[in-house]
């Protein structure tokens, strides 16, 4: 996996973490690469820089942005459902 920092996919430069299936006590692949403190600083700075212009957008633009996020999540489809089921053990 990767993180999005300032709109770009970034492989974390920190430690590696794994999902865990509590129903089977199994570690899940693939690993997550965690971001470094420097990457976190970059991400929070980018968010702070974006806030002033984003906060003044009209409600329709905010709604379109949120709808685009929802569409991207829905496009993942069954893979997301499978992973969520594995990680929750439900």
PDB file of N, CA and C in Angstrom:
ATOM      1  N   UNK A   1       0.809  -1.181   0.000  1.00  0.00           N
ATOM      2  CA  UNK A   1       0.000   0.000   0.000  1.00  0.00           C
ATOM      3  C   UNK A   1       0.858   1.253   0.000  1.00  0.00           C
ATOM      4  N   UNK A   2       0.185   2.358  -0.110  1.00  0.00           N
ATOM      5  CA  UNK A   2       0.875   3.640  -0.098  1.00  0.00           C
ATOM      6  C   UNK A   2       0.001   4.672   0.596  1.00  0.00           C
ATOM      7  N   UNK A   3       0.600   5.779   0.914  1.00  0.00           N
ATOM      8  CA  UNK A   3      -0.115   6.913   1.487  1.00  0.00           C
ATOM      9  C   UNK A   3      -0.250   7.979   0.410  1.00  0.00           C
ATOM     10  N   UNK A   4      -1.226   8.847   0.581  1.00  0.00           N
ATOM     11  CA  UNK A   4      -1.355  10.002  -0.306  1.00  0.00           C
ATOM     12  C   UNK A   4      -0.873  11.222   0.462  1.00  0.00           C
ATOM     13  N   UNK A   5       0.156  11.845  -0.064  1.00  0.00           N
ATOM     14  CA  UNK A   5       0.692  13.052   0.549  1.00  0.00           C
ATOM     15  C   UNK A   5       0.701  14.134  -0.519  1.00  0.00           C
ATOM     16  N   UNK A   6      -0.044  15.199  -0.250  1.00  0.00           N
ATOM     17  CA  UNK A   6      -0.176  16.313  -1.195  1.00  0.00           C
ATOM     18  C   UNK A   6      -0.661  15.818  -2.555  1.00  0.00           C
ATOM     19  N   UNK A   7      -1.593  14.857  -2.527  1.00  0.00           N
ATOM     20  CA  UNK A   7      -2.194  14.357  -3.758  1.00  0.00           C
ATOM     21  C   UNK A   7      -1.369  13.354  -4.530  1.00  0.00           C
ATOM     22  N   UNK A   8      -0.264  12.909  -3.967  1.00  0.00           N
ATOM     23  CA  UNK A   8       0.604  11.964  -4.681  1.00  0.00           C
ATOM     24  C   UNK A   8       0.752  10.677  -3.873  1.00  0.00           C
ATOM     25  N   UNK A   9       0.756   9.518  -4.544  1.00  0.00           N
ATOM     26  CA  UNK A   9       1.015   8.274  -3.819  1.00  0.00           C
ATOM     27  C   UNK A   9       2.468   8.224  -3.363  1.00  0.00           C
ATOM     28  N   UNK A  10       2.670   7.879  -2.110  1.00  0.00           N
ATOM     29  CA  UNK A  10       4.008   7.854  -1.516  1.00  0.00           C
ATOM     30  C   UNK A  10       4.171   6.556  -0.735  1.00  0.00           C
ATOM     31  N   UNK A  11       5.261   5.858  -0.981  1.00  0.00           N
ATOM     32  CA  UNK A  11       5.580   4.682  -0.178  1.00  0.00           C
ATOM     33  C   UNK A  11       6.186   5.176   1.126  1.00  0.00           C
ATOM     34  N   UNK A  12       5.647   4.713   2.227  1.00  0.00           N
ATOM     35  CA  UNK A  12       6.160   5.134   3.523  1.00  0.00           C
ATOM     36  C   UNK A  12       7.600   4.712   3.717  1.00  0.00           C
ATOM     37  N   UNK A  13       8.360   5.554   4.353  1.00  0.00           N
ATOM     38  CA  UNK A  13       9.763   5.264   4.601  1.00  0.00           C
ATOM     39  C   UNK A  13      10.027   4.754   6.009  1.00  0.00           C
ATOM     40  N   UNK A  14       8.946   4.473   6.740  1.00  0.00           N
ATOM     41  CA  UNK A  14       9.098   4.033   8.125  1.00  0.00           C
ATOM     42  C   UNK A  14       9.030   2.527   8.260  1.00  0.00           C
ATOM     43  N   UNK A  15       8.591   2.103   9.407  1.00  0.00           N
ATOM     44  CA  UNK A  15       8.475   0.681   9.708  1.00  0.00           C
ATOM     45  C   UNK A  15       7.387   0.041   8.851  1.00  0.00           C
ATOM     46  N   UNK A  16       7.326  -1.280   8.923  1.00  0.00           N
ATOM     47  CA  UNK A  16       6.310  -2.040   8.205  1.00  0.00           C
ATOM     48  C   UNK A  16       5.306  -2.587   9.216  1.00  0.00           C
ATOM     49  N   UNK A  17       4.036  -2.546   8.860  1.00  0.00           N
ATOM     50  CA  UNK A  17       2.983  -3.091   9.713  1.00  0.00           C
ATOM     51  C   UNK A  17       2.104  -4.007   8.872  1.00  0.00           C
ATOM     52  N   UNK A  18       1.444  -4.924   9.532  1.00  0.00           N
ATOM     53  CA  UNK A  18       0.562  -5.860   8.850  1.00  0.00           C
ATOM     54  C   UNK A  18      -0.827  -5.788   9.459  1.00  0.00           C
ATOM     55  N   UNK A  19      -1.827  -6.054   8.619  1.00  0.00           N
ATOM     56  CA  UNK A  19      -3.161  -6.262   9.130  1.00  0.00           C
ATOM     57  C   UNK A  19      -3.185  -7.595   9.865  1.00  0.00           C
ATOM     58  N   UNK A  20      -4.227  -7.804  10.660  1.00  0.00           N
ATOM     59  CA  UNK A  20      -4.322  -9.017  11.463  1.00  0.00           C
ATOM     60  C   UNK A  20      -5.762  -9.489  11.455  1.00  0.00           C
ATOM     61  N   UNK A  21      -5.963 -10.776  11.210  1.00  0.00           N
ATOM     62  CA  UNK A  21      -7.301 -11.355  11.222  1.00  0.00           C
ATOM     63  C   UNK A  21      -7.551 -11.937  12.611  1.00  0.00           C
ATOM     64  N   UNK A  22      -8.408 -11.299  13.415  1.00  0.00           N
ATOM     65  CA  UNK A  22      -8.632 -11.778  14.771  1.00  0.00           C
ATOM     66  C   UNK A  22      -9.385 -13.109  14.831  1.00  0.00           C
ATOM     67  N   UNK A  23     -10.072 -13.469  13.762  1.00  0.00           N
ATOM     68  CA  UNK A  23     -10.806 -14.737  13.748  1.00  0.00           C
ATOM     69  C   UNK A  23      -9.881 -15.928  13.543  1.00  0.00           C
ATOM     70  N   UNK A  24      -8.758 -15.709  12.846  1.00  0.00           N
ATOM     71  CA  UNK A  24      -7.848 -16.818  12.530  1.00  0.00           C
ATOM     72  C   UNK A  24      -6.474 -16.657  13.175  1.00  0.00           C
ATOM     73  N   UNK A  25      -6.248 -15.513  13.820  1.00  0.00           N
ATOM     74  CA  UNK A  25      -4.932 -15.186  14.395  1.00  0.00           C
ATOM     75  C   UNK A  25      -3.836 -15.162  13.341  1.00  0.00           C
ATOM     76  N   UNK A  26      -4.184 -14.790  12.119  1.00  0.00           N
ATOM     77  CA  UNK A  26      -3.205 -14.751  11.028  1.00  0.00           C
ATOM     78  C   UNK A  26      -2.847 -13.315  10.657  1.00  0.00           C
ATOM     79  N   UNK A  27      -1.578 -13.134  10.336  1.00  0.00           N
ATOM     80  CA  UNK A  27      -1.088 -11.871   9.789  1.00  0.00           C
ATOM     81  C   UNK A  27      -1.538 -11.791   8.341  1.00  0.00           C
ATOM     82  N   UNK A  28      -1.968 -10.611   7.911  1.00  0.00           N
ATOM     83  CA  UNK A  28      -2.465 -10.434   6.552  1.00  0.00           C
ATOM     84  C   UNK A  28      -1.429  -9.745   5.674  1.00  0.00           C
ATOM     85  N   UNK A  29      -1.354 -10.161   4.459  1.00  0.00           N
ATOM     86  CA  UNK A  29      -0.520  -9.525   3.439  1.00  0.00           C
ATOM     87  C   UNK A  29      -1.431  -8.665   2.564  1.00  0.00           C
ATOM     88  N   UNK A  30      -0.939  -7.651   1.934  1.00  0.00           N
ATOM     89  CA  UNK A  30       0.438  -7.175   1.939  1.00  0.00           C
ATOM     90  C   UNK A  30       0.707  -6.327   3.179  1.00  0.00           C
ATOM     91  N   UNK A  31       1.956  -6.039   3.395  1.00  0.00           N
ATOM     92  CA  UNK A  31       2.372  -5.185   4.503  1.00  0.00           C
ATOM     93  C   UNK A  31       2.029  -3.732   4.190  1.00  0.00           C
ATOM     94  N   UNK A  32       1.860  -2.966   5.228  1.00  0.00           N
ATOM     95  CA  UNK A  32       1.698  -1.521   5.107  1.00  0.00           C
ATOM     96  C   UNK A  32       3.041  -0.876   5.422  1.00  0.00           C
ATOM     97  N   UNK A  33       3.464   0.045   4.590  1.00  0.00           N
ATOM     98  CA  UNK A  33       4.682   0.796   4.903  1.00  0.00           C
ATOM     99  C   UNK A  33       4.247   2.088   5.587  1.00  0.00           C
ATOM    100  N   UNK A  34       4.656   2.243   6.820  1.00  0.00           N
ATOM    101  CA  UNK A  34       4.265   3.402   7.608  1.00  0.00           C
ATOM    102  C   UNK A  34       5.111   4.611   7.229  1.00  0.00           C
ATOM    103  N   UNK A  35       4.516   5.785   7.349  1.00  0.00           N
ATOM    104  CA  UNK A  35       5.258   6.992   6.988  1.00  0.00           C
ATOM    105  C   UNK A  35       6.197   7.405   8.118  1.00  0.00           C
ATOM    106  N   UNK A  36       7.190   8.164   7.746  1.00  0.00           N
ATOM    107  CA  UNK A  36       8.155   8.689   8.711  1.00  0.00           C
ATOM    108  C   UNK A  36       7.619   9.987   9.310  1.00  0.00           C
ATOM    109  N   UNK A  37       8.278  10.460  10.327  1.00  0.00           N
ATOM    110  CA  UNK A  37       7.895  11.737  10.927  1.00  0.00           C
ATOM    111  C   UNK A  37       8.035  12.868   9.907  1.00  0.00           C
ATOM    112  N   UNK A  38       9.062  12.804   9.076  1.00  0.00           N
ATOM    113  CA  UNK A  38       9.248  13.822   8.030  1.00  0.00           C
ATOM    114  C   UNK A  38       8.092  13.777   7.025  1.00  0.00           C
ATOM    115  N   UNK A  39       7.673  12.581   6.636  1.00  0.00           N
ATOM    116  CA  UNK A  39       6.549  12.457   5.710  1.00  0.00           C
ATOM    117  C   UNK A  39       5.261  12.963   6.360  1.00  0.00           C
ATOM    118  N   UNK A  40       5.098  12.712   7.647  1.00  0.00           N
ATOM    119  CA  UNK A  40       3.933  13.219   8.370  1.00  0.00           C
ATOM    120  C   UNK A  40       3.932  14.741   8.389  1.00  0.00           C
ATOM    121  N   UNK A  41       5.080  15.327   8.616  1.00  0.00           N
ATOM    122  CA  UNK A  41       5.201  16.786   8.603  1.00  0.00           C
ATOM    123  C   UNK A  41       4.855  17.341   7.222  1.00  0.00           C
ATOM    124  N   UNK A  42       5.333  16.681   6.182  1.00  0.00           N
ATOM    125  CA  UNK A  42       5.013  17.101   4.812  1.00  0.00           C
ATOM    126  C   UNK A  42       3.509  17.028   4.570  1.00  0.00           C
ATOM    127  N   UNK A  43       2.883  15.935   5.014  1.00  0.00           N
ATOM    128  CA  UNK A  43       1.444  15.748   4.806  1.00  0.00           C
ATOM    129  C   UNK A  43       0.631  16.790   5.562  1.00  0.00           C
ATOM    130  N   UNK A  44       0.973  17.032   6.822  1.00  0.00           N
ATOM    131  CA  UNK A  44       0.203  18.005   7.593  1.00  0.00           C
ATOM    132  C   UNK A  44       0.422  19.429   7.086  1.00  0.00           C
ATOM    133  N   UNK A  45       1.614  19.721   6.616  1.00  0.00           N
ATOM    134  CA  UNK A  45       1.875  21.045   6.030  1.00  0.00           C
ATOM    135  C   UNK A  45       1.073  21.237   4.749  1.00  0.00           C
ATOM    136  N   UNK A  46       1.020  20.193   3.923  1.00  0.00           N
ATOM    137  CA  UNK A  46       0.245  20.272   2.680  1.00  0.00           C
ATOM    138  C   UNK A  46      -1.237  20.458   2.984  1.00  0.00           C
ATOM    139  N   UNK A  47      -1.730  19.763   4.004  1.00  0.00           N
ATOM    140  CA  UNK A  47      -3.138  19.912   4.388  1.00  0.00           C
ATOM    141  C   UNK A  47      -3.414  21.327   4.889  1.00  0.00           C
ATOM    142  N   UNK A  48      -2.523  21.847   5.697  1.00  0.00           N
ATOM    143  CA  UNK A  48      -2.690  23.214   6.203  1.00  0.00           C
ATOM    144  C   UNK A  48      -2.649  24.232   5.068  1.00  0.00           C
ATOM    145  N   UNK A  49      -1.774  24.004   4.091  1.00  0.00           N
ATOM    146  CA  UNK A  49      -1.682  24.909   2.941  1.00  0.00           C
ATOM    147  C   UNK A  49      -2.948  24.861   2.090  1.00  0.00           C
ATOM    148  N   UNK A  50      -3.559  23.675   1.987  1.00  0.00           N
ATOM    149  CA  UNK A  50      -4.746  23.513   1.143  1.00  0.00           C
ATOM    150  C   UNK A  50      -6.012  24.042   1.813  1.00  0.00           C
ATOM    151  N   UNK A  51      -6.029  24.067   3.126  1.00  0.00           N
ATOM    152  CA  UNK A  51      -7.251  24.415   3.841  1.00  0.00           C
ATOM    153  C   UNK A  51      -7.833  25.778   3.477  1.00  0.00           C
ATOM    154  N   UNK A  52      -7.062  26.848   3.434  1.00  0.00           N
ATOM    155  CA  UNK A  52      -7.678  28.149   3.153  1.00  0.00           C
ATOM    156  C   UNK A  52      -8.470  28.180   1.841  1.00  0.00           C
ATOM    157  N   UNK A  53      -7.918  27.629   0.784  1.00  0.00           N
ATOM    158  CA  UNK A  53      -8.654  27.670  -0.485  1.00  0.00           C
ATOM    159  C   UNK A  53      -9.806  26.672  -0.489  1.00  0.00           C
ATOM    160  N   UNK A  54      -9.600  25.502   0.103  1.00  0.00           N
ATOM    161  CA  UNK A  54     -10.670  24.501   0.123  1.00  0.00           C
ATOM    162  C   UNK A  54     -11.843  24.971   0.976  1.00  0.00           C
ATOM    163  N   UNK A  55     -11.559  25.635   2.073  1.00  0.00           N
ATOM    164  CA  UNK A  55     -12.624  26.042   2.995  1.00  0.00           C
ATOM    165  C   UNK A  55     -13.534  27.111   2.410  1.00  0.00           C
ATOM    166  N   UNK A  56     -13.093  27.801   1.370  1.00  0.00           N
ATOM    167  CA  UNK A  56     -13.919  28.854   0.774  1.00  0.00           C
ATOM    168  C   UNK A  56     -14.707  28.377  -0.440  1.00  0.00           C
ATOM    169  N   UNK A  57     -14.559  27.109  -0.799  1.00  0.00           N
ATOM    170  CA  UNK A  57     -15.301  26.586  -1.948  1.00  0.00           C
ATOM    171  C   UNK A  57     -16.779  26.483  -1.617  1.00  0.00           C
ATOM    172  N   UNK A  58     -17.605  26.551  -2.634  1.00  0.00           N
ATOM    173  CA  UNK A  58     -19.041  26.467  -2.446  1.00  0.00           C
ATOM    174  C   UNK A  58     -19.450  25.036  -2.067  1.00  0.00           C
ATOM    175  N   UNK A  59     -20.622  24.888  -1.456  1.00  0.00           N
ATOM    176  CA  UNK A  59     -21.078  23.566  -1.017  1.00  0.00           C
ATOM    177  C   UNK A  59     -21.166  22.538  -2.147  1.00  0.00           C
ATOM    178  N   UNK A  60     -21.511  22.974  -3.343  1.00  0.00           N
ATOM    179  CA  UNK A  60     -21.609  22.044  -4.469  1.00  0.00           C
ATOM    180  C   UNK A  60     -20.249  21.432  -4.800  1.00  0.00           C
ATOM    181  N   UNK A  61     -19.202  22.237  -4.725  1.00  0.00           N
ATOM    182  CA  UNK A  61     -17.855  21.735  -5.000  1.00  0.00           C
ATOM    183  C   UNK A  61     -17.412  20.778  -3.902  1.00  0.00           C
ATOM    184  N   UNK A  62     -17.726  21.110  -2.649  1.00  0.00           N
ATOM    185  CA  UNK A  62     -17.428  20.186  -1.544  1.00  0.00           C
ATOM    186  C   UNK A  62     -18.151  18.863  -1.768  1.00  0.00           C
ATOM    187  N   UNK A  63     -19.418  18.943  -2.140  1.00  0.00           N
ATOM    188  CA  UNK A  63     -20.201  17.729  -2.367  1.00  0.00           C
ATOM    189  C   UNK A  63     -19.615  16.901  -3.501  1.00  0.00           C
ATOM    190  N   UNK A  64     -19.213  17.552  -4.574  1.00  0.00           N
ATOM    191  CA  UNK A  64     -18.619  16.830  -5.706  1.00  0.00           C
ATOM    192  C   UNK A  64     -17.321  16.141  -5.287  1.00  0.00           C
ATOM    193  N   UNK A  65     -16.545  16.802  -4.454  1.00  0.00           N
ATOM    194  CA  UNK A  65     -15.300  16.220  -3.946  1.00  0.00           C
ATOM    195  C   UNK A  65     -15.594  14.966  -3.121  1.00  0.00           C
ATOM    196  N   UNK A  66     -16.553  15.063  -2.215  1.00  0.00           N
ATOM    197  CA  UNK A  66     -16.912  13.909  -1.385  1.00  0.00           C
ATOM    198  C   UNK A  66     -17.512  12.783  -2.219  1.00  0.00           C
ATOM    199  N   UNK A  67     -18.288  13.127  -3.232  1.00  0.00           N
ATOM    200  CA  UNK A  67     -18.844  12.103  -4.120  1.00  0.00           C
ATOM    201  C   UNK A  67     -17.739  11.391  -4.895  1.00  0.00           C
ATOM    202  N   UNK A  68     -16.729  12.122  -5.313  1.00  0.00           N
ATOM    203  CA  UNK A  68     -15.600  11.502  -6.018  1.00  0.00           C
ATOM    204  C   UNK A  68     -14.858  10.534  -5.100  1.00  0.00           C
ATOM    205  N   UNK A  69     -14.699  10.915  -3.836  1.00  0.00           N
ATOM    206  CA  UNK A  69     -14.069  10.007  -2.873  1.00  0.00           C
ATOM    207  C   UNK A  69     -14.909   8.743  -2.735  1.00  0.00           C
ATOM    208  N   UNK A  70     -16.215   8.907  -2.585  1.00  0.00           N
ATOM    209  CA  UNK A  70     -17.107   7.752  -2.446  1.00  0.00           C
ATOM    210  C   UNK A  70     -17.040   6.849  -3.671  1.00  0.00           C
ATOM    211  N   UNK A  71     -17.003   7.432  -4.845  1.00  0.00           N
ATOM    212  CA  UNK A  71     -16.916   6.635  -6.074  1.00  0.00           C
ATOM    213  C   UNK A  71     -15.618   5.835  -6.128  1.00  0.00           C
ATOM    214  N   UNK A  72     -14.523   6.446  -5.694  1.00  0.00           N
ATOM    215  CA  UNK A  72     -13.246   5.727  -5.670  1.00  0.00           C
ATOM    216  C   UNK A  72     -13.278   4.569  -4.682  1.00  0.00           C
ATOM    217  N   UNK A  73     -13.891   4.785  -3.530  1.00  0.00           N
ATOM    218  CA  UNK A  73     -14.010   3.701  -2.547  1.00  0.00           C
ATOM    219  C   UNK A  73     -14.884   2.586  -3.108  1.00  0.00           C
ATOM    220  N   UNK A  74     -16.017   2.943  -3.689  1.00  0.00           N
ATOM    221  CA  UNK A  74     -16.916   1.941  -4.263  1.00  0.00           C
ATOM    222  C   UNK A  74     -16.258   1.176  -5.401  1.00  0.00           C
ATOM    223  N   UNK A  75     -15.373   1.823  -6.141  1.00  0.00           N
ATOM    224  CA  UNK A  75     -14.703   1.169  -7.268  1.00  0.00           C
ATOM    225  C   UNK A  75     -13.789   0.038  -6.807  1.00  0.00           C
ATOM    226  N   UNK A  76     -13.339   0.100  -5.566  1.00  0.00           N
ATOM    227  CA  UNK A  76     -12.508  -0.981  -5.037  1.00  0.00           C
ATOM    228  C   UNK A  76     -13.332  -2.260  -4.933  1.00  0.00           C
ATOM    229  N   UNK A  77     -14.605  -2.118  -4.633  1.00  0.00           N
ATOM    230  CA  UNK A  77     -15.551  -3.226  -4.666  1.00  0.00           C
ATOM    231  C   UNK A  77     -15.270  -4.351  -3.685  1.00  0.00           C
ATOM    232  N   UNK A  78     -15.366  -5.571  -4.197  1.00  0.00           N
ATOM    233  CA  UNK A  78     -15.250  -6.775  -3.374  1.00  0.00           C
ATOM    234  C   UNK A  78     -13.921  -6.872  -2.643  1.00  0.00           C
ATOM    235  N   UNK A  79     -12.857  -6.367  -3.232  1.00  0.00           N
ATOM    236  CA  UNK A  79     -11.554  -6.425  -2.556  1.00  0.00           C
ATOM    237  C   UNK A  79     -11.597  -5.703  -1.211  1.00  0.00           C
ATOM    238  N   UNK A  80     -12.269  -4.561  -1.176  1.00  0.00           N
ATOM    239  CA  UNK A  80     -12.377  -3.804   0.068  1.00  0.00           C
ATOM    240  C   UNK A  80     -13.240  -4.552   1.078  1.00  0.00           C
ATOM    241  N   UNK A  81     -14.335  -5.108   0.618  1.00  0.00           N
ATOM    242  CA  UNK A  81     -15.219  -5.864   1.507  1.00  0.00           C
ATOM    243  C   UNK A  81     -14.493  -7.071   2.084  1.00  0.00           C
ATOM    244  N   UNK A  82     -13.766  -7.782   1.238  1.00  0.00           N
ATOM    245  CA  UNK A  82     -13.006  -8.946   1.697  1.00  0.00           C
ATOM    246  C   UNK A  82     -11.979  -8.544   2.741  1.00  0.00           C
ATOM    247  N   UNK A  83     -11.233  -7.497   2.474  1.00  0.00           N
ATOM    248  CA  UNK A  83     -10.193  -7.061   3.406  1.00  0.00           C
ATOM    249  C   UNK A  83     -10.803  -6.598   4.727  1.00  0.00           C
ATOM    250  N   UNK A  84     -11.877  -5.835   4.667  1.00  0.00           N
ATOM    251  CA  UNK A  84     -12.522  -5.364   5.894  1.00  0.00           C
ATOM    252  C   UNK A  84     -13.024  -6.542   6.723  1.00  0.00           C
ATOM    253  N   UNK A  85     -13.567  -7.543   6.063  1.00  0.00           N
ATOM    254  CA  UNK A  85     -14.026  -8.744   6.759  1.00  0.00           C
ATOM    255  C   UNK A  85     -12.855  -9.460   7.419  1.00  0.00           C
ATOM    256  N   UNK A  86     -11.746  -9.572   6.702  1.00  0.00           N
ATOM    257  CA  UNK A  86     -10.565 -10.223   7.275  1.00  0.00           C
ATOM    258  C   UNK A  86     -10.042  -9.457   8.487  1.00  0.00           C
ATOM    259  N   UNK A  87      -9.953  -8.146   8.377  1.00  0.00           N
ATOM    260  CA  UNK A  87      -9.354  -7.353   9.449  1.00  0.00           C
ATOM    261  C   UNK A  87     -10.243  -7.239  10.681  1.00  0.00           C
ATOM    262  N   UNK A  88     -11.543  -7.430  10.516  1.00  0.00           N
ATOM    263  CA  UNK A  88     -12.443  -7.341  11.667  1.00  0.00           C
ATOM    264  C   UNK A  88     -12.803  -8.710  12.219  1.00  0.00           C
ATOM    265  N   UNK A  89     -12.571  -9.752  11.428  1.00  0.00           N
ATOM    266  CA  UNK A  89     -12.925 -11.092  11.870  1.00  0.00           C
ATOM    267  C   UNK A  89     -14.421 -11.346  11.875  1.00  0.00           C
ATOM    268  N   UNK A  90     -15.178 -10.495  11.220  1.00  0.00           N
ATOM    269  CA  UNK A  90     -16.638 -10.666  11.181  1.00  0.00           C
ATOM    270  C   UNK A  90     -17.074 -11.529  10.022  1.00  0.00           C
TER     271      UNK A  90
END
